[in-house]
Amino acid sequence: MLACPYCKTEVPTGERFCPACLLGLRVEGDALAPVFPTITPGRTLYEADFRTSPPPRYPSRAHAMSPRMRFDPHEGGLLFTLLEPRTPTFPNPDVELRDACVRARFTVLDPGARIGVVARRSALAEGRVGYALDVTPDRNEAWLKRVFEANAHADSTTVAIRKGHAGIPAPGPTTDVELRLLGPTIQIVVDGALVATHHDPHYGVGAFGFRVGRETEASDVPVRVVCHGFDVREVIR
């Protein structure tokens, strides 16, 4: 028998899916290779336009999240001014799904920013878990992580890193960052282009949203990012 390329479980001859992690499989030479489904976004289930509305759970378009991190109204959406290296998450708790596509649009005004989305964010014991996709335009990188948060503590496990991809733009242009999820298949999409596809069967139903933060060390020189809005779309089956 051959081994699953994800979890290394031995797979009986002729099986199209790993019996342990459910990864789709095909034989390539003397090994098994993954087979991923196509994930196609469908109708919009939720949409936030930050030119007129605040982030989920916030009553206003102006708010100080800390003495050194805030957002304010901007003609294009919400202007985040970041003086400390932290990445707040803004999920919409009213839409909890397993399979969906979440997309946020940003304009990075200064070097040192981190922009992204979150998916399947749900409660676990006294904390919260979920997936986070961070794009760092300065380094031309995309990071997909499993995140655990409890009180002031946060930890993460990297699922995948994509470096030096031509589809990840440098700071300046408006950028769409998207995660598409169908079962254990997760796709990273930037500006409509598929950057990477990964298999990760850990997290199920949860909330979707966006995140924005600062990569560089704390200083009195701000990193500014405009978030124009985000949406959640169904998966066409």
C-alpha atoms as a PDB file:
ATOM      1  CA  MET A   1       0.000   0.000   0.000  1.00  0.00           C
ATOM      2  CA  LEU A   2       0.995   3.597  -0.569  1.00  0.00           C
ATOM      3  CA  ALA A   3       0.996   6.350   2.072  1.00  0.00           C
ATOM      4  CA  CYS A   4      -1.221   9.440   2.114  1.00  0.00           C
ATOM      5  CA  PRO A   5       0.954  12.507   1.316  1.00  0.00           C
ATOM      6  CA  TYR A   6      -0.745  14.506   4.106  1.00  0.00           C
ATOM      7  CA  CYS A   7      -1.139  12.229   7.140  1.00  0.00           C
ATOM      8  CA  LYS A   8       1.077   9.282   6.033  1.00  0.00           C
ATOM      9  CA  THR A   9      -1.694   6.731   6.650  1.00  0.00           C
ATOM     10  CA  GLU A  10      -1.418   3.634   4.454  1.00  0.00           C
ATOM     11  CA  VAL A  11      -4.152   3.722   1.797  1.00  0.00           C
ATOM     12  CA  PRO A  12      -5.588   0.504   0.336  1.00  0.00           C
ATOM     13  CA  THR A  13      -4.959   0.047  -3.363  1.00  0.00           C
ATOM     14  CA  GLY A  14      -7.630   1.673  -5.520  1.00  0.00           C
ATOM     15  CA  GLU A  15      -9.010   4.010  -2.839  1.00  0.00           C
ATOM     16  CA  ARG A  16      -9.712   7.555  -4.068  1.00  0.00           C
ATOM     17  CA  PHE A  17      -9.667   9.122  -0.591  1.00  0.00           C
ATOM     18  CA  CYS A  18      -7.463   8.704   2.463  1.00  0.00           C
ATOM     19  CA  PRO A  19      -9.518   6.818   5.101  1.00  0.00           C
ATOM     20  CA  ALA A  20      -7.984   8.920   7.902  1.00  0.00           C
ATOM     21  CA  CYS A  21      -7.927  12.551   6.668  1.00  0.00           C
ATOM     22  CA  LEU A  22     -10.244  12.269   3.595  1.00  0.00           C
ATOM     23  CA  LEU A  23      -7.719  13.801   1.203  1.00  0.00           C
ATOM     24  CA  GLY A  24      -8.559  13.091  -2.437  1.00  0.00           C
ATOM     25  CA  LEU A  25      -5.859  10.976  -4.037  1.00  0.00           C
ATOM     26  CA  ARG A  26      -4.476   9.788  -7.344  1.00  0.00           C
ATOM     27  CA  VAL A  27      -1.507   7.582  -8.184  1.00  0.00           C
ATOM     28  CA  GLU A  28       1.507   9.309  -9.727  1.00  0.00           C
ATOM     29  CA  GLY A  29       4.275   6.847 -10.460  1.00  0.00           C
ATOM     30  CA  ASP A  30       5.045   4.993  -7.241  1.00  0.00           C
ATOM     31  CA  ALA A  31       3.394   7.507  -4.891  1.00  0.00           C
ATOM     32  CA  LEU A  32       0.031   9.095  -4.122  1.00  0.00           C
ATOM     33  CA  ALA A  33      -0.657  12.751  -5.019  1.00  0.00           C
ATOM     34  CA  PRO A  34      -3.437  15.002  -3.687  1.00  0.00           C
ATOM     35  CA  VAL A  35      -6.578  15.779  -5.690  1.00  0.00           C
ATOM     36  CA  PHE A  36      -8.368  18.972  -4.664  1.00  0.00           C
ATOM     37  CA  PRO A  37     -11.923  20.008  -5.566  1.00  0.00           C
ATOM     38  CA  THR A  38     -12.603  23.237  -7.441  1.00  0.00           C
ATOM     39  CA  ILE A  39     -14.013  25.889  -5.087  1.00  0.00           C
ATOM     40  CA  THR A  40     -16.234  28.380  -6.895  1.00  0.00           C
ATOM     41  CA  PRO A  41     -17.793  31.352  -5.050  1.00  0.00           C
ATOM     42  CA  GLY A  42     -21.537  31.830  -5.425  1.00  0.00           C
ATOM     43  CA  ARG A  43     -24.074  34.339  -4.128  1.00  0.00           C
ATOM     44  CA  THR A  44     -23.163  36.834  -1.431  1.00  0.00           C
ATOM     45  CA  LEU A  45     -24.349  35.880   2.058  1.00  0.00           C
ATOM     46  CA  TYR A  46     -22.980  38.929   3.883  1.00  0.00           C
ATOM     47  CA  GLU A  47     -21.319  42.157   2.748  1.00  0.00           C
ATOM     48  CA  ALA A  48     -19.861  45.080   4.712  1.00  0.00           C
ATOM     49  CA  ASP A  49     -19.048  48.386   3.012  1.00  0.00           C
ATOM     50  CA  PHE A  50     -16.871  50.364   5.403  1.00  0.00           C
ATOM     51  CA  ARG A  51     -17.513  53.629   3.582  1.00  0.00           C
ATOM     52  CA  THR A  52     -20.834  53.659   5.418  1.00  0.00           C
ATOM     53  CA  SER A  53     -20.744  51.004   8.155  1.00  0.00           C
ATOM     54  CA  PRO A  54     -18.484  50.137  11.110  1.00  0.00           C
ATOM     55  CA  PRO A  55     -16.814  46.731  11.584  1.00  0.00           C
ATOM     56  CA  PRO A  56     -18.968  43.947  13.082  1.00  0.00           C
ATOM     57  CA  ARG A  57     -19.671  44.470  16.804  1.00  0.00           C
ATOM     58  CA  TYR A  58     -18.545  48.126  16.732  1.00  0.00           C
ATOM     59  CA  PRO A  59     -21.117  50.942  17.044  1.00  0.00           C
ATOM     60  CA  SER A  60     -19.009  53.586  15.286  1.00  0.00           C
ATOM     61  CA  ARG A  61     -16.581  54.034  12.384  1.00  0.00           C
ATOM     62  CA  ALA A  62     -14.123  55.667  14.808  1.00  0.00           C
ATOM     63  CA  HIS A  63     -12.653  53.649  17.654  1.00  0.00           C
ATOM     64  CA  ALA A  64      -9.412  53.362  19.653  1.00  0.00           C
ATOM     65  CA  MET A  65      -8.641  49.662  20.104  1.00  0.00           C
ATOM     66  CA  SER A  66      -5.670  50.643  22.278  1.00  0.00           C
ATOM     67  CA  PRO A  67      -3.714  53.861  22.921  1.00  0.00           C
ATOM     68  CA  ARG A  68      -1.572  53.004  19.863  1.00  0.00           C
ATOM     69  CA  MET A  69      -4.043  51.390  17.492  1.00  0.00           C
ATOM     70  CA  ARG A  70      -7.261  52.866  16.105  1.00  0.00           C
ATOM     71  CA  PHE A  71      -9.525  53.167  13.077  1.00  0.00           C
ATOM     72  CA  ASP A  72     -11.288  56.236  11.714  1.00  0.00           C
ATOM     73  CA  PRO A  73     -13.616  57.099   8.830  1.00  0.00           C
ATOM     74  CA  HIS A  74     -11.961  57.410   5.418  1.00  0.00           C
ATOM     75  CA  GLU A  75     -13.489  58.225   2.061  1.00  0.00           C
ATOM     76  CA  GLY A  76     -12.621  54.703   0.917  1.00  0.00           C
ATOM     77  CA  GLY A  77     -13.640  52.848   4.093  1.00  0.00           C
ATOM     78  CA  LEU A  78     -11.865  52.643   7.453  1.00  0.00           C
ATOM     79  CA  LEU A  79      -8.384  54.022   8.015  1.00  0.00           C
ATOM     80  CA  PHE A  80      -6.387  51.901  10.479  1.00  0.00           C
ATOM     81  CA  THR A  81      -3.481  53.685  12.171  1.00  0.00           C
ATOM     82  CA  LEU A  82      -1.095  51.194  13.766  1.00  0.00           C
ATOM     83  CA  LEU A  83       1.769  52.033  16.136  1.00  0.00           C
ATOM     84  CA  GLU A  84       2.255  48.615  17.755  1.00  0.00           C
ATOM     85  CA  PRO A  85       2.932  45.147  16.253  1.00  0.00           C
ATOM     86  CA  ARG A  86      -0.453  43.530  16.760  1.00  0.00           C
ATOM     87  CA  THR A  87      -3.083  42.087  14.398  1.00  0.00           C
ATOM     88  CA  PRO A  88      -6.677  42.472  15.633  1.00  0.00           C
ATOM     89  CA  THR A  89      -9.386  40.239  14.172  1.00  0.00           C
ATOM     90  CA  PHE A  90     -12.852  41.448  13.170  1.00  0.00           C
ATOM     91  CA  PRO A  91     -15.215  38.479  12.673  1.00  0.00           C
ATOM     92  CA  ASN A  92     -18.929  38.679  11.956  1.00  0.00           C
ATOM     93  CA  PRO A  93     -20.484  36.413  14.625  1.00  0.00           C
ATOM     94  CA  ASP A  94     -23.882  36.441  12.880  1.00  0.00           C
ATOM     95  CA  VAL A  95     -22.689  34.267   9.966  1.00  0.00           C
ATOM     96  CA  GLU A  96     -21.219  30.908  11.030  1.00  0.00           C
ATOM     97  CA  LEU A  97     -20.510  28.385   8.287  1.00  0.00           C
ATOM     98  CA  ARG A  98     -18.261  25.501   7.360  1.00  0.00           C
ATOM     99  CA  ASP A  99     -17.963  26.001   3.603  1.00  0.00           C
ATOM    100  CA  ALA A 100     -17.724  29.581   2.324  1.00  0.00           C
ATOM    101  CA  CYS A 101     -15.485  32.165   0.687  1.00  0.00           C
ATOM    102  CA  VAL A 102     -14.401  35.216   2.674  1.00  0.00           C
ATOM    103  CA  ARG A 103     -12.818  38.187   0.909  1.00  0.00           C
ATOM    104  CA  ALA A 104     -11.554  41.564   2.159  1.00  0.00           C
ATOM    105  CA  ARG A 105     -10.207  44.544   0.218  1.00  0.00           C
ATOM    106  CA  PHE A 106      -7.355  46.749   1.446  1.00  0.00           C
ATOM    107  CA  THR A 107      -5.146  49.626   0.380  1.00  0.00           C
ATOM    108  CA  VAL A 108      -1.781  49.614   2.191  1.00  0.00           C
ATOM    109  CA  LEU A 109      -0.477  53.166   2.566  1.00  0.00           C
ATOM    110  CA  ASP A 110       2.805  52.483   4.412  1.00  0.00           C
ATOM    111  CA  PRO A 111       5.397  49.684   4.581  1.00  0.00           C
ATOM    112  CA  GLY A 112       5.147  47.174   7.413  1.00  0.00           C
ATOM    113  CA  ALA A 113       1.474  46.211   7.176  1.00  0.00           C
ATOM    114  CA  ARG A 114      -0.225  42.840   7.574  1.00  0.00           C
ATOM    115  CA  ILE A 115      -3.628  42.291   5.930  1.00  0.00           C
ATOM    116  CA  GLY A 116      -5.854  39.237   5.886  1.00  0.00           C
ATOM    117  CA  VAL A 117      -9.040  37.342   6.624  1.00  0.00           C
ATOM    118  CA  VAL A 118     -10.267  34.798   9.180  1.00  0.00           C
ATOM    119  CA  ALA A 119     -12.468  31.744   8.699  1.00  0.00           C
ATOM    120  CA  ARG A 120     -14.274  29.155  10.834  1.00  0.00           C
ATOM    121  CA  ARG A 121     -13.588  31.126  14.005  1.00  0.00           C
ATOM    122  CA  SER A 122     -15.404  29.409  16.873  1.00  0.00           C
ATOM    123  CA  ALA A 123     -15.388  28.956  20.639  1.00  0.00           C
ATOM    124  CA  LEU A 124     -13.299  26.193  22.187  1.00  0.00           C
ATOM    125  CA  ALA A 125     -13.311  25.851  26.000  1.00  0.00           C
ATOM    126  CA  GLU A 126     -12.398  29.344  27.267  1.00  0.00           C
ATOM    127  CA  GLY A 127     -10.806  30.471  24.007  1.00  0.00           C
ATOM    128  CA  ARG A 128     -11.389  30.689  20.283  1.00  0.00           C
ATOM    129  CA  VAL A 129      -9.894  28.829  17.341  1.00  0.00           C
ATOM    130  CA  GLY A 130      -9.976  29.359  13.600  1.00  0.00           C
ATOM    131  CA  TYR A 131      -7.997  29.895  10.430  1.00  0.00           C
ATOM    132  CA  ALA A 132      -6.167  33.136   9.680  1.00  0.00           C
ATOM    133  CA  LEU A 133      -4.661  34.173   6.366  1.00  0.00           C
ATOM    134  CA  ASP A 134      -2.120  36.985   6.577  1.00  0.00           C
ATOM    135  CA  VAL A 135      -0.575  38.661   3.546  1.00  0.00           C
ATOM    136  CA  THR A 136       2.554  40.759   4.074  1.00  0.00           C
ATOM    137  CA  PRO A 137       3.069  42.797   0.895  1.00  0.00           C
ATOM    138  CA  ASP A 138       6.542  44.011   1.959  1.00  0.00           C
ATOM    139  CA  ARG A 139       7.833  40.442   2.022  1.00  0.00           C
ATOM    140  CA  ASN A 140       5.611  39.190  -0.796  1.00  0.00           C
ATOM    141  CA  GLU A 141       4.335  36.400   1.480  1.00  0.00           C
ATOM    142  CA  ALA A 142       1.063  34.713   2.423  1.00  0.00           C
ATOM    143  CA  TRP A 143       0.717  32.759   5.692  1.00  0.00           C
ATOM    144  CA  LEU A 144      -2.138  30.385   6.488  1.00  0.00           C
ATOM    145  CA  LYS A 145      -2.357  29.535  10.196  1.00  0.00           C
ATOM    146  CA  ARG A 146      -4.510  27.776  12.760  1.00  0.00           C
ATOM    147  CA  VAL A 147      -4.982  30.319  15.537  1.00  0.00           C
ATOM    148  CA  PHE A 148      -5.871  29.841  19.199  1.00  0.00           C
ATOM    149  CA  GLU A 149      -6.808  32.828  21.381  1.00  0.00           C
ATOM    150  CA  ALA A 150      -7.673  32.875  25.091  1.00  0.00           C
ATOM    151  CA  ASN A 151      -7.891  36.106  27.075  1.00  0.00           C
ATOM    152  CA  ALA A 152      -4.688  38.021  26.285  1.00  0.00           C
ATOM    153  CA  HIS A 153      -2.875  34.918  25.026  1.00  0.00           C
ATOM    154  CA  ALA A 154      -2.632  33.956  21.358  1.00  0.00           C
ATOM    155  CA  ASP A 155      -0.833  31.092  19.666  1.00  0.00           C
ATOM    156  CA  SER A 156      -0.738  29.802  16.106  1.00  0.00           C
ATOM    157  CA  THR A 157       0.349  26.834  14.011  1.00  0.00           C
ATOM    158  CA  THR A 158       1.449  27.514  10.461  1.00  0.00           C
ATOM    159  CA  VAL A 159      -0.395  25.405   7.907  1.00  0.00           C
ATOM    160  CA  ALA A 160       1.330  26.839   4.862  1.00  0.00           C
ATOM    161  CA  ILE A 161       3.627  29.649   3.725  1.00  0.00           C
ATOM    162  CA  ARG A 162       3.825  30.984   0.186  1.00  0.00           C
ATOM    163  CA  LYS A 163       6.796  33.272  -0.487  1.00  0.00           C
ATOM    164  CA  GLY A 164       7.702  35.314  -3.519  1.00  0.00           C
ATOM    165  CA  HIS A 165       4.436  34.726  -5.380  1.00  0.00           C
ATOM    166  CA  ALA A 166       3.845  37.082  -8.316  1.00  0.00           C
ATOM    167  CA  GLY A 167       0.179  37.403  -7.342  1.00  0.00           C
ATOM    168  CA  ILE A 168       1.001  39.100  -4.014  1.00  0.00           C
ATOM    169  CA  PRO A 169       1.363  42.817  -4.781  1.00  0.00           C
ATOM    170  CA  ALA A 170       3.718  45.313  -3.163  1.00  0.00           C
ATOM    171  CA  PRO A 171       2.259  48.052  -0.937  1.00  0.00           C
ATOM    172  CA  GLY A 172       0.223  50.664  -2.780  1.00  0.00           C
ATOM    173  CA  PRO A 173      -2.391  49.031  -5.005  1.00  0.00           C
ATOM    174  CA  THR A 174      -5.729  47.959  -3.669  1.00  0.00           C
ATOM    175  CA  THR A 175      -5.536  44.263  -2.783  1.00  0.00           C
ATOM    176  CA  ASP A 176      -8.237  41.590  -2.419  1.00  0.00           C
ATOM    177  CA  VAL A 177      -7.325  38.854   0.086  1.00  0.00           C
ATOM    178  CA  GLU A 178      -9.513  35.739   0.089  1.00  0.00           C
ATOM    179  CA  LEU A 179      -9.894  32.297   1.627  1.00  0.00           C
ATOM    180  CA  ARG A 180     -12.104  29.685  -0.036  1.00  0.00           C
ATOM    181  CA  LEU A 181     -13.051  26.685   2.095  1.00  0.00           C
ATOM    182  CA  LEU A 182     -14.801  23.461   1.148  1.00  0.00           C
ATOM    183  CA  GLY A 183     -14.495  20.651   3.679  1.00  0.00           C
ATOM    184  CA  PRO A 184     -10.793  20.126   4.389  1.00  0.00           C
ATOM    185  CA  THR A 185      -9.703  22.022   1.246  1.00  0.00           C
ATOM    186  CA  ILE A 186      -8.543  25.627   1.730  1.00  0.00           C
ATOM    187  CA  GLN A 187      -7.533  27.926  -1.124  1.00  0.00           C
ATOM    188  CA  ILE A 188      -5.573  31.174  -0.832  1.00  0.00           C
ATOM    189  CA  VAL A 189      -6.657  33.701  -3.464  1.00  0.00           C
ATOM    190  CA  VAL A 190      -5.128  37.168  -3.934  1.00  0.00           C
ATOM    191  CA  ASP A 191      -6.682  39.624  -6.391  1.00  0.00           C
ATOM    192  CA  GLY A 192      -8.705  36.786  -7.900  1.00  0.00           C
ATOM    193  CA  ALA A 193      -5.632  34.626  -8.631  1.00  0.00           C
ATOM    194  CA  LEU A 194      -5.139  31.256  -6.915  1.00  0.00           C
ATOM    195  CA  VAL A 195      -1.933  31.439  -4.870  1.00  0.00           C
ATOM    196  CA  ALA A 196      -2.070  28.036  -3.151  1.00  0.00           C
ATOM    197  CA  THR A 197      -4.345  25.118  -2.185  1.00  0.00           C
ATOM    198  CA  HIS A 198      -3.976  23.204   1.071  1.00  0.00           C
ATOM    199  CA  HIS A 199      -5.578  20.305   2.908  1.00  0.00           C
ATOM    200  CA  ASP A 200      -6.307  20.804   6.593  1.00  0.00           C
ATOM    201  CA  PRO A 201      -9.157  18.897   8.277  1.00  0.00           C
ATOM    202  CA  HIS A 202      -8.960  20.537  11.711  1.00  0.00           C
ATOM    203  CA  TYR A 203     -11.651  23.219  12.083  1.00  0.00           C
ATOM    204  CA  GLY A 204     -15.309  23.110  11.081  1.00  0.00           C
ATOM    205  CA  VAL A 205     -18.153  25.616  11.514  1.00  0.00           C
ATOM    206  CA  GLY A 206     -17.326  29.170  12.555  1.00  0.00           C
ATOM    207  CA  ALA A 207     -17.414  32.890  11.828  1.00  0.00           C
ATOM    208  CA  PHE A 208     -15.691  34.755   8.999  1.00  0.00           C
ATOM    209  CA  GLY A 209     -14.112  38.210   8.968  1.00  0.00           C
ATOM    210  CA  PHE A 210     -10.997  40.273   8.320  1.00  0.00           C
ATOM    211  CA  ARG A 211      -7.815  41.263  10.145  1.00  0.00           C
ATOM    212  CA  VAL A 212      -5.320  44.088   9.826  1.00  0.00           C
ATOM    213  CA  GLY A 213      -2.118  44.785  11.701  1.00  0.00           C
ATOM    214  CA  ARG A 214       1.481  45.808  11.773  1.00  0.00           C
ATOM    215  CA  GLU A 215       4.532  43.638  11.066  1.00  0.00           C
ATOM    216  CA  THR A 216       7.241  46.074  12.132  1.00  0.00           C
ATOM    217  CA  GLU A 217       8.288  46.986  15.666  1.00  0.00           C
ATOM    218  CA  ALA A 218       6.417  49.575  17.672  1.00  0.00           C
ATOM    219  CA  SER A 219       7.376  53.171  16.908  1.00  0.00           C
ATOM    220  CA  ASP A 220       5.904  56.643  16.607  1.00  0.00           C
ATOM    221  CA  VAL A 221       5.875  56.285  12.818  1.00  0.00           C
ATOM    222  CA  PRO A 222       2.435  54.848  11.960  1.00  0.00           C
ATOM    223  CA  VAL A 223       1.599  52.080   9.545  1.00  0.00           C
ATOM    224  CA  ARG A 224      -1.680  52.993   7.829  1.00  0.00           C
ATOM    225  CA  VAL A 225      -4.060  50.668   6.028  1.00  0.00           C
ATOM    226  CA  VAL A 226      -7.467  51.390   4.525  1.00  0.00           C
ATOM    227  CA  CYS A 227      -9.922  48.488   4.711  1.00  0.00           C
ATOM    228  CA  HIS A 228     -12.683  49.025   2.172  1.00  0.00           C
ATOM    229  CA  GLY A 229     -14.917  46.134   3.294  1.00  0.00           C
ATOM    230  CA  PHE A 230     -15.353  42.381   3.262  1.00  0.00           C
ATOM    231  CA  ASP A 231     -17.889  39.827   2.119  1.00  0.00           C
ATOM    232  CA  VAL A 232     -18.796  36.184   2.658  1.00  0.00           C
ATOM    233  CA  ARG A 233     -20.014  34.153  -0.315  1.00  0.00           C
ATOM    234  CA  GLU A 234     -21.430  30.666  -0.543  1.00  0.00           C
ATOM    235  CA  VAL A 235     -19.684  27.809  -2.352  1.00  0.00           C
ATOM    236  CA  ILE A 236     -21.354  26.624  -5.550  1.00  0.00           C
ATOM    237  CA  ARG A 237     -21.901  22.872  -5.396  1.00  0.00           C
END
